[in-house]
């Protein structure tokens, strides 16, 4: 297993130190192959935890690996990588089973937004393209791209101050990213894009330290991303949906 694979497995498992986590997030945001590998490890881990007890996927598999004894954490990471390879091999033999389990368009949007946010949320002078002081220009510009009236939520009572916005791109569609800063911690983003399809209820995920909440309603997808816990994500999602 390569160093990149070990890094991505550890990130999927939430076991990286802050500096390693930042490296993994930047790799996922900029390298499509790394992003695909990370999704395989993340989904594999979830499938193994659902199908087996923790002891099944955490121990024993690495006895197949040559080399000196390894610790419990490294053992679990290696086990996940091996399991992912086995699942992919089975997918090919079964005529494409893996593709049934691939993330939906909405899931992919949330992953892409998280990847973007892991990079641009650490900017200071260039956090936004259009600052909050130019609100009319900002809402007009992004509203035209989204083909809707754009309302910027006031979240000051949640400790978030609107800083401005930038435009992202997902699947050739514009994504409006509204950036909020706070007294402590990295900024939080609320992203909106056109998303045809049936409504989808709120779903939350965590990518390392980043929490992501997303849903689809009325032909638009909404994503909230930041270093937030599930309760904070739920609260913000309720505010934004209103």
C-alpha atoms as a PDB file:
ATOM      1  CA  UNK A   1       0.000   0.000   0.000  1.00  0.00           C
ATOM      2  CA  UNK A   2       1.447   3.386  -1.010  1.00  0.00           C
ATOM      3  CA  UNK A   3       1.887   6.392   1.280  1.00  0.00           C
ATOM      4  CA  UNK A   4      -0.980   8.157  -0.510  1.00  0.00           C
ATOM      5  CA  UNK A   5      -3.305   5.206   0.105  1.00  0.00           C
ATOM      6  CA  UNK A   6      -2.353   5.108   3.784  1.00  0.00           C
ATOM      7  CA  UNK A   7      -3.001   8.845   4.059  1.00  0.00           C
ATOM      8  CA  UNK A   8      -6.426   8.598   2.428  1.00  0.00           C
ATOM      9  CA  UNK A   9      -7.488   5.591   4.504  1.00  0.00           C
ATOM     10  CA  UNK A  10      -6.451   7.393   7.683  1.00  0.00           C
ATOM     11  CA  UNK A  11      -8.366  10.501   6.591  1.00  0.00           C
ATOM     12  CA  UNK A  12     -11.476   8.426   5.872  1.00  0.00           C
ATOM     13  CA  UNK A  13     -11.076   6.956   9.362  1.00  0.00           C
ATOM     14  CA  UNK A  14     -10.662  10.404  10.995  1.00  0.00           C
ATOM     15  CA  UNK A  15      -7.251   9.521  12.434  1.00  0.00           C
ATOM     16  CA  UNK A  16      -4.945  12.206  11.044  1.00  0.00           C
ATOM     17  CA  UNK A  17      -3.121  14.950  12.875  1.00  0.00           C
ATOM     18  CA  UNK A  18      -4.115  18.499  11.815  1.00  0.00           C
ATOM     19  CA  UNK A  19      -1.149  19.021   9.473  1.00  0.00           C
ATOM     20  CA  UNK A  20      -1.682  15.596   7.846  1.00  0.00           C
ATOM     21  CA  UNK A  21      -5.398  16.318   7.538  1.00  0.00           C
ATOM     22  CA  UNK A  22      -4.728  19.562   5.669  1.00  0.00           C
ATOM     23  CA  UNK A  23      -2.432  17.698   3.276  1.00  0.00           C
ATOM     24  CA  UNK A  24      -5.096  15.039   2.650  1.00  0.00           C
ATOM     25  CA  UNK A  25      -7.818  17.633   2.076  1.00  0.00           C
ATOM     26  CA  UNK A  26      -5.716  19.522  -0.451  1.00  0.00           C
ATOM     27  CA  UNK A  27      -4.864  16.270  -2.233  1.00  0.00           C
ATOM     28  CA  UNK A  28      -8.551  15.315  -2.453  1.00  0.00           C
ATOM     29  CA  UNK A  29      -9.502  18.791  -3.654  1.00  0.00           C
ATOM     30  CA  UNK A  30      -6.906  18.901  -6.448  1.00  0.00           C
ATOM     31  CA  UNK A  31      -6.404  15.277  -7.547  1.00  0.00           C
ATOM     32  CA  UNK A  32      -9.427  13.469  -9.088  1.00  0.00           C
ATOM     33  CA  UNK A  33      -7.760  10.066  -8.677  1.00  0.00           C
ATOM     34  CA  UNK A  34      -7.099  10.692  -4.981  1.00  0.00           C
ATOM     35  CA  UNK A  35     -10.682  11.898  -4.549  1.00  0.00           C
ATOM     36  CA  UNK A  36     -11.972   8.695  -6.174  1.00  0.00           C
ATOM     37  CA  UNK A  37      -9.732   6.544  -3.958  1.00  0.00           C
ATOM     38  CA  UNK A  38     -10.914   8.392  -0.853  1.00  0.00           C
ATOM     39  CA  UNK A  39     -14.553   7.758  -1.766  1.00  0.00           C
ATOM     40  CA  UNK A  40     -13.820   4.048  -2.217  1.00  0.00           C
ATOM     41  CA  UNK A  41     -12.192   3.846   1.231  1.00  0.00           C
ATOM     42  CA  UNK A  42     -14.954   5.887   2.867  1.00  0.00           C
ATOM     43  CA  UNK A  43     -17.745   3.765   1.381  1.00  0.00           C
ATOM     44  CA  UNK A  44     -15.833   0.548   2.064  1.00  0.00           C
ATOM     45  CA  UNK A  45     -15.420   1.485   5.720  1.00  0.00           C
ATOM     46  CA  UNK A  46     -19.127   2.224   6.029  1.00  0.00           C
ATOM     47  CA  UNK A  47     -20.058  -1.054   4.328  1.00  0.00           C
ATOM     48  CA  UNK A  48     -17.719  -3.084   6.531  1.00  0.00           C
ATOM     49  CA  UNK A  49     -19.001  -1.443   9.695  1.00  0.00           C
ATOM     50  CA  UNK A  50     -22.578  -2.120   8.628  1.00  0.00           C
ATOM     51  CA  UNK A  51     -21.961  -5.726   7.606  1.00  0.00           C
ATOM     52  CA  UNK A  52     -19.501  -6.798  10.289  1.00  0.00           C
ATOM     53  CA  UNK A  53     -18.529  -6.069  13.832  1.00  0.00           C
ATOM     54  CA  UNK A  54     -15.596  -3.738  14.340  1.00  0.00           C
ATOM     55  CA  UNK A  55     -13.360  -6.640  15.374  1.00  0.00           C
ATOM     56  CA  UNK A  56     -13.915  -8.313  12.006  1.00  0.00           C
ATOM     57  CA  UNK A  57     -12.546  -5.484   9.861  1.00  0.00           C
ATOM     58  CA  UNK A  58     -10.063  -4.144  12.425  1.00  0.00           C
ATOM     59  CA  UNK A  59      -8.029  -7.298  13.090  1.00  0.00           C
ATOM     60  CA  UNK A  60      -6.675 -10.304  11.323  1.00  0.00           C
ATOM     61  CA  UNK A  61      -6.710  -9.194   7.691  1.00  0.00           C
ATOM     62  CA  UNK A  62      -3.172  -7.825   7.793  1.00  0.00           C
ATOM     63  CA  UNK A  63      -1.741 -11.207   8.698  1.00  0.00           C
ATOM     64  CA  UNK A  64      -1.628 -11.609   4.905  1.00  0.00           C
ATOM     65  CA  UNK A  65       0.847  -8.732   4.641  1.00  0.00           C
ATOM     66  CA  UNK A  66       4.609  -9.306   4.787  1.00  0.00           C
ATOM     67  CA  UNK A  67       6.796  -7.246   7.065  1.00  0.00           C
ATOM     68  CA  UNK A  68       7.228  -6.415  10.751  1.00  0.00           C
ATOM     69  CA  UNK A  69       4.313  -6.308  13.219  1.00  0.00           C
ATOM     70  CA  UNK A  70       2.147  -3.204  12.948  1.00  0.00           C
ATOM     71  CA  UNK A  71       0.020  -1.352  15.467  1.00  0.00           C
ATOM     72  CA  UNK A  72      -3.742  -1.527  15.769  1.00  0.00           C
ATOM     73  CA  UNK A  73      -4.368   1.795  13.970  1.00  0.00           C
ATOM     74  CA  UNK A  74      -2.118   0.888  11.047  1.00  0.00           C
ATOM     75  CA  UNK A  75      -3.708  -2.577  10.961  1.00  0.00           C
ATOM     76  CA  UNK A  76      -7.165  -1.080  10.531  1.00  0.00           C
ATOM     77  CA  UNK A  77      -5.998   1.266   7.760  1.00  0.00           C
ATOM     78  CA  UNK A  78      -4.350  -1.580   5.870  1.00  0.00           C
ATOM     79  CA  UNK A  79      -7.422  -3.753   6.311  1.00  0.00           C
ATOM     80  CA  UNK A  80      -9.651  -1.091   4.770  1.00  0.00           C
ATOM     81  CA  UNK A  81      -7.346  -0.695   1.773  1.00  0.00           C
ATOM     82  CA  UNK A  82      -7.240  -4.444   1.195  1.00  0.00           C
ATOM     83  CA  UNK A  83     -10.991  -4.697   1.579  1.00  0.00           C
ATOM     84  CA  UNK A  84     -11.484  -1.891  -0.923  1.00  0.00           C
ATOM     85  CA  UNK A  85      -9.316  -3.735  -3.443  1.00  0.00           C
ATOM     86  CA  UNK A  86     -11.254  -6.955  -2.891  1.00  0.00           C
ATOM     87  CA  UNK A  87     -14.569  -5.165  -3.350  1.00  0.00           C
ATOM     88  CA  UNK A  88     -13.395  -3.536  -6.573  1.00  0.00           C
ATOM     89  CA  UNK A  89     -12.214  -6.897  -7.905  1.00  0.00           C
ATOM     90  CA  UNK A  90     -15.574  -8.407  -7.042  1.00  0.00           C
ATOM     91  CA  UNK A  91     -17.252  -5.520  -8.805  1.00  0.00           C
ATOM     92  CA  UNK A  92     -15.445  -6.288 -12.025  1.00  0.00           C
ATOM     93  CA  UNK A  93     -16.264  -9.990 -11.761  1.00  0.00           C
ATOM     94  CA  UNK A  94     -19.921  -9.247 -11.086  1.00  0.00           C
ATOM     95  CA  UNK A  95     -20.242  -7.033 -14.143  1.00  0.00           C
ATOM     96  CA  UNK A  96     -20.172  -3.615 -12.539  1.00  0.00           C
ATOM     97  CA  UNK A  97     -21.755  -4.089  -9.076  1.00  0.00           C
ATOM     98  CA  UNK A  98     -19.676  -1.234  -7.691  1.00  0.00           C
ATOM     99  CA  UNK A  99     -21.372   1.319  -9.885  1.00  0.00           C
ATOM    100  CA  UNK A 100     -24.675   0.648  -8.157  1.00  0.00           C
ATOM    101  CA  UNK A 101     -23.075   1.818  -4.923  1.00  0.00           C
ATOM    102  CA  UNK A 102     -21.429   4.930  -6.274  1.00  0.00           C
ATOM    103  CA  UNK A 103     -22.495   8.227  -4.700  1.00  0.00           C
ATOM    104  CA  UNK A 104     -25.392  10.169  -6.186  1.00  0.00           C
ATOM    105  CA  UNK A 105     -25.050  13.499  -7.968  1.00  0.00           C
ATOM    106  CA  UNK A 106     -26.019  15.264  -4.725  1.00  0.00           C
ATOM    107  CA  UNK A 107     -23.447  13.286  -2.728  1.00  0.00           C
ATOM    108  CA  UNK A 108     -20.787  14.188  -5.285  1.00  0.00           C
ATOM    109  CA  UNK A 109     -21.731  17.860  -5.014  1.00  0.00           C
ATOM    110  CA  UNK A 110     -21.266  17.744  -1.237  1.00  0.00           C
ATOM    111  CA  UNK A 111     -17.881  16.063  -1.657  1.00  0.00           C
ATOM    112  CA  UNK A 112     -16.734  18.619  -4.227  1.00  0.00           C
ATOM    113  CA  UNK A 113     -17.844  21.526  -2.038  1.00  0.00           C
ATOM    114  CA  UNK A 114     -15.991  20.039   0.939  1.00  0.00           C
ATOM    115  CA  UNK A 115     -12.870  19.717  -1.201  1.00  0.00           C
ATOM    116  CA  UNK A 116     -13.085  23.337  -2.340  1.00  0.00           C
ATOM    117  CA  UNK A 117     -13.770  24.539   1.205  1.00  0.00           C
ATOM    118  CA  UNK A 118     -10.773  22.716   2.665  1.00  0.00           C
ATOM    119  CA  UNK A 119      -8.595  24.942   0.449  1.00  0.00           C
ATOM    120  CA  UNK A 120     -10.258  28.363   0.134  1.00  0.00           C
ATOM    121  CA  UNK A 121     -11.514  28.565   3.753  1.00  0.00           C
ATOM    122  CA  UNK A 122      -7.898  29.148   4.807  1.00  0.00           C
ATOM    123  CA  UNK A 123      -7.557  32.217   2.601  1.00  0.00           C
ATOM    124  CA  UNK A 124      -7.582  35.625   4.291  1.00  0.00           C
ATOM    125  CA  UNK A 125      -7.268  38.451   1.758  1.00  0.00           C
ATOM    126  CA  UNK A 126      -8.796  36.389  -1.047  1.00  0.00           C
ATOM    127  CA  UNK A 127     -11.514  34.509   0.810  1.00  0.00           C
ATOM    128  CA  UNK A 128     -14.273  35.954  -1.418  1.00  0.00           C
ATOM    129  CA  UNK A 129     -14.577  37.275  -4.969  1.00  0.00           C
ATOM    130  CA  UNK A 130     -17.248  39.865  -4.153  1.00  0.00           C
ATOM    131  CA  UNK A 131     -17.284  41.352  -0.605  1.00  0.00           C
ATOM    132  CA  UNK A 132     -20.401  41.794   1.511  1.00  0.00           C
ATOM    133  CA  UNK A 133     -20.210  45.577   1.027  1.00  0.00           C
ATOM    134  CA  UNK A 134     -21.237  45.083  -2.615  1.00  0.00           C
ATOM    135  CA  UNK A 135     -24.432  43.201  -1.759  1.00  0.00           C
ATOM    136  CA  UNK A 136     -26.496  44.363  -4.754  1.00  0.00           C
ATOM    137  CA  UNK A 137     -23.791  43.401  -7.237  1.00  0.00           C
ATOM    138  CA  UNK A 138     -23.244  40.120  -5.429  1.00  0.00           C
ATOM    139  CA  UNK A 139     -26.876  38.980  -5.346  1.00  0.00           C
ATOM    140  CA  UNK A 140     -27.506  40.192  -8.894  1.00  0.00           C
ATOM    141  CA  UNK A 141     -24.443  38.414 -10.297  1.00  0.00           C
ATOM    142  CA  UNK A 142     -25.054  35.088  -8.585  1.00  0.00           C
ATOM    143  CA  UNK A 143     -28.835  35.310  -8.926  1.00  0.00           C
ATOM    144  CA  UNK A 144     -28.519  35.534 -12.703  1.00  0.00           C
ATOM    145  CA  UNK A 145     -26.197  32.516 -12.754  1.00  0.00           C
ATOM    146  CA  UNK A 146     -28.602  30.487 -10.615  1.00  0.00           C
ATOM    147  CA  UNK A 147     -31.721  31.817 -12.402  1.00  0.00           C
ATOM    148  CA  UNK A 148     -33.398  32.733  -9.138  1.00  0.00           C
ATOM    149  CA  UNK A 149     -33.650  35.508  -6.590  1.00  0.00           C
ATOM    150  CA  UNK A 150     -30.756  35.066  -4.199  1.00  0.00           C
ATOM    151  CA  UNK A 151     -31.308  35.886  -0.531  1.00  0.00           C
ATOM    152  CA  UNK A 152     -28.324  36.020   1.820  1.00  0.00           C
ATOM    153  CA  UNK A 153     -29.372  34.662   5.230  1.00  0.00           C
ATOM    154  CA  UNK A 154     -28.579  36.780   8.279  1.00  0.00           C
ATOM    155  CA  UNK A 155     -26.886  34.354  10.672  1.00  0.00           C
ATOM    156  CA  UNK A 156     -25.394  36.877  13.077  1.00  0.00           C
ATOM    157  CA  UNK A 157     -27.313  35.396  16.001  1.00  0.00           C
ATOM    158  CA  UNK A 158     -25.448  32.136  15.313  1.00  0.00           C
ATOM    159  CA  UNK A 159     -22.099  33.925  15.551  1.00  0.00           C
ATOM    160  CA  UNK A 160     -21.607  34.089  11.770  1.00  0.00           C
ATOM    161  CA  UNK A 161     -20.907  37.324   9.897  1.00  0.00           C
ATOM    162  CA  UNK A 162     -21.417  37.423   6.137  1.00  0.00           C
ATOM    163  CA  UNK A 163     -18.107  38.181   4.391  1.00  0.00           C
ATOM    164  CA  UNK A 164     -19.055  37.872   0.720  1.00  0.00           C
ATOM    165  CA  UNK A 165     -19.293  35.245  -1.974  1.00  0.00           C
ATOM    166  CA  UNK A 166     -17.472  33.387  -4.674  1.00  0.00           C
ATOM    167  CA  UNK A 167     -18.588  31.184  -7.541  1.00  0.00           C
ATOM    168  CA  UNK A 168     -17.620  27.528  -7.829  1.00  0.00           C
ATOM    169  CA  UNK A 169     -18.355  25.090 -10.646  1.00  0.00           C
ATOM    170  CA  UNK A 170     -19.789  21.584 -10.335  1.00  0.00           C
ATOM    171  CA  UNK A 171     -20.607  19.414 -13.345  1.00  0.00           C
ATOM    172  CA  UNK A 172     -20.477  22.560 -15.553  1.00  0.00           C
ATOM    173  CA  UNK A 173     -23.056  24.270 -13.334  1.00  0.00           C
ATOM    174  CA  UNK A 174     -22.377  27.439 -11.317  1.00  0.00           C
ATOM    175  CA  UNK A 175     -22.438  27.085  -7.543  1.00  0.00           C
ATOM    176  CA  UNK A 176     -22.926  30.189  -5.391  1.00  0.00           C
ATOM    177  CA  UNK A 177     -20.794  29.966  -2.242  1.00  0.00           C
ATOM    178  CA  UNK A 178     -21.769  32.416   0.510  1.00  0.00           C
ATOM    179  CA  UNK A 179     -18.937  32.776   3.020  1.00  0.00           C
ATOM    180  CA  UNK A 180     -19.409  33.554   6.704  1.00  0.00           C
ATOM    181  CA  UNK A 181     -16.620  34.315   9.172  1.00  0.00           C
ATOM    182  CA  UNK A 182     -16.718  33.882  12.942  1.00  0.00           C
ATOM    183  CA  UNK A 183     -14.713  34.986  15.954  1.00  0.00           C
ATOM    184  CA  UNK A 184     -12.940  31.642  16.283  1.00  0.00           C
ATOM    185  CA  UNK A 185     -12.508  28.883  13.748  1.00  0.00           C
ATOM    186  CA  UNK A 186     -12.414  28.771   9.972  1.00  0.00           C
ATOM    187  CA  UNK A 187     -15.198  30.297   7.842  1.00  0.00           C
ATOM    188  CA  UNK A 188     -18.456  28.514   7.078  1.00  0.00           C
ATOM    189  CA  UNK A 189     -19.923  28.316   3.562  1.00  0.00           C
ATOM    190  CA  UNK A 190     -23.497  28.006   2.328  1.00  0.00           C
ATOM    191  CA  UNK A 191     -23.598  26.814  -1.275  1.00  0.00           C
ATOM    192  CA  UNK A 192     -26.522  26.788  -3.716  1.00  0.00           C
ATOM    193  CA  UNK A 193     -26.819  25.380  -7.221  1.00  0.00           C
ATOM    194  CA  UNK A 194     -29.469  24.191  -9.645  1.00  0.00           C
ATOM    195  CA  UNK A 195     -30.139  20.490  -9.139  1.00  0.00           C
ATOM    196  CA  UNK A 196     -32.964  18.835 -11.065  1.00  0.00           C
ATOM    197  CA  UNK A 197     -34.581  15.826  -9.479  1.00  0.00           C
ATOM    198  CA  UNK A 198     -36.838  14.909  -6.575  1.00  0.00           C
ATOM    199  CA  UNK A 199     -36.415  16.526  -3.167  1.00  0.00           C
ATOM    200  CA  UNK A 200     -33.889  14.889  -0.870  1.00  0.00           C
ATOM    201  CA  UNK A 201     -34.021  15.215   2.938  1.00  0.00           C
ATOM    202  CA  UNK A 202     -31.173  16.659   4.966  1.00  0.00           C
ATOM    203  CA  UNK A 203     -28.082  14.478   5.189  1.00  0.00           C
ATOM    204  CA  UNK A 204     -24.921  15.157   7.195  1.00  0.00           C
ATOM    205  CA  UNK A 205     -21.413  13.822   6.670  1.00  0.00           C
ATOM    206  CA  UNK A 206     -17.976  14.473   8.143  1.00  0.00           C
ATOM    207  CA  UNK A 207     -14.719  14.604   6.200  1.00  0.00           C
ATOM    208  CA  UNK A 208     -12.048  14.796   8.864  1.00  0.00           C
ATOM    209  CA  UNK A 209     -12.810  18.030  10.770  1.00  0.00           C
ATOM    210  CA  UNK A 210     -15.212  19.315   8.119  1.00  0.00           C
ATOM    211  CA  UNK A 211     -18.931  18.801   8.679  1.00  0.00           C
ATOM    212  CA  UNK A 212     -21.248  18.896   5.654  1.00  0.00           C
ATOM    213  CA  UNK A 213     -25.049  19.153   5.592  1.00  0.00           C
ATOM    214  CA  UNK A 214     -26.901  18.981   2.279  1.00  0.00           C
ATOM    215  CA  UNK A 215     -30.346  18.548   0.800  1.00  0.00           C
ATOM    216  CA  UNK A 216     -32.345  19.204  -2.386  1.00  0.00           C
ATOM    217  CA  UNK A 217     -35.599  21.119  -2.635  1.00  0.00           C
ATOM    218  CA  UNK A 218     -37.491  22.866  -5.427  1.00  0.00           C
ATOM    219  CA  UNK A 219     -34.907  22.132  -8.105  1.00  0.00           C
ATOM    220  CA  UNK A 220     -31.971  23.481  -6.069  1.00  0.00           C
ATOM    221  CA  UNK A 221     -29.317  21.786  -3.943  1.00  0.00           C
ATOM    222  CA  UNK A 222     -28.032  23.356  -0.728  1.00  0.00           C
ATOM    223  CA  UNK A 223     -24.763  22.527   1.013  1.00  0.00           C
ATOM    224  CA  UNK A 224     -23.468  23.870   4.338  1.00  0.00           C
ATOM    225  CA  UNK A 225     -19.823  23.161   5.118  1.00  0.00           C
ATOM    226  CA  UNK A 226     -17.474  24.115   7.938  1.00  0.00           C
ATOM    227  CA  UNK A 227     -15.756  22.832  11.055  1.00  0.00           C
ATOM    228  CA  UNK A 228     -19.116  22.204  12.731  1.00  0.00           C
ATOM    229  CA  UNK A 229     -20.732  19.438  14.719  1.00  0.00           C
ATOM    230  CA  UNK A 230     -23.974  17.744  13.723  1.00  0.00           C
ATOM    231  CA  UNK A 231     -26.156  19.858  16.027  1.00  0.00           C
ATOM    232  CA  UNK A 232     -24.744  23.104  14.592  1.00  0.00           C
ATOM    233  CA  UNK A 233     -25.200  21.826  11.036  1.00  0.00           C
ATOM    234  CA  UNK A 234     -28.814  20.889  11.734  1.00  0.00           C
ATOM    235  CA  UNK A 235     -29.495  24.316  13.238  1.00  0.00           C
ATOM    236  CA  UNK A 236     -27.980  26.174  10.285  1.00  0.00           C
ATOM    237  CA  UNK A 237     -29.767  23.955   7.771  1.00  0.00           C
ATOM    238  CA  UNK A 238     -33.082  24.775   9.442  1.00  0.00           C
ATOM    239  CA  UNK A 239     -32.306  28.500   9.300  1.00  0.00           C
ATOM    240  CA  UNK A 240     -31.185  28.409   5.672  1.00  0.00           C
ATOM    241  CA  UNK A 241     -34.167  26.351   4.489  1.00  0.00           C
ATOM    242  CA  UNK A 242     -36.476  29.031   5.863  1.00  0.00           C
END
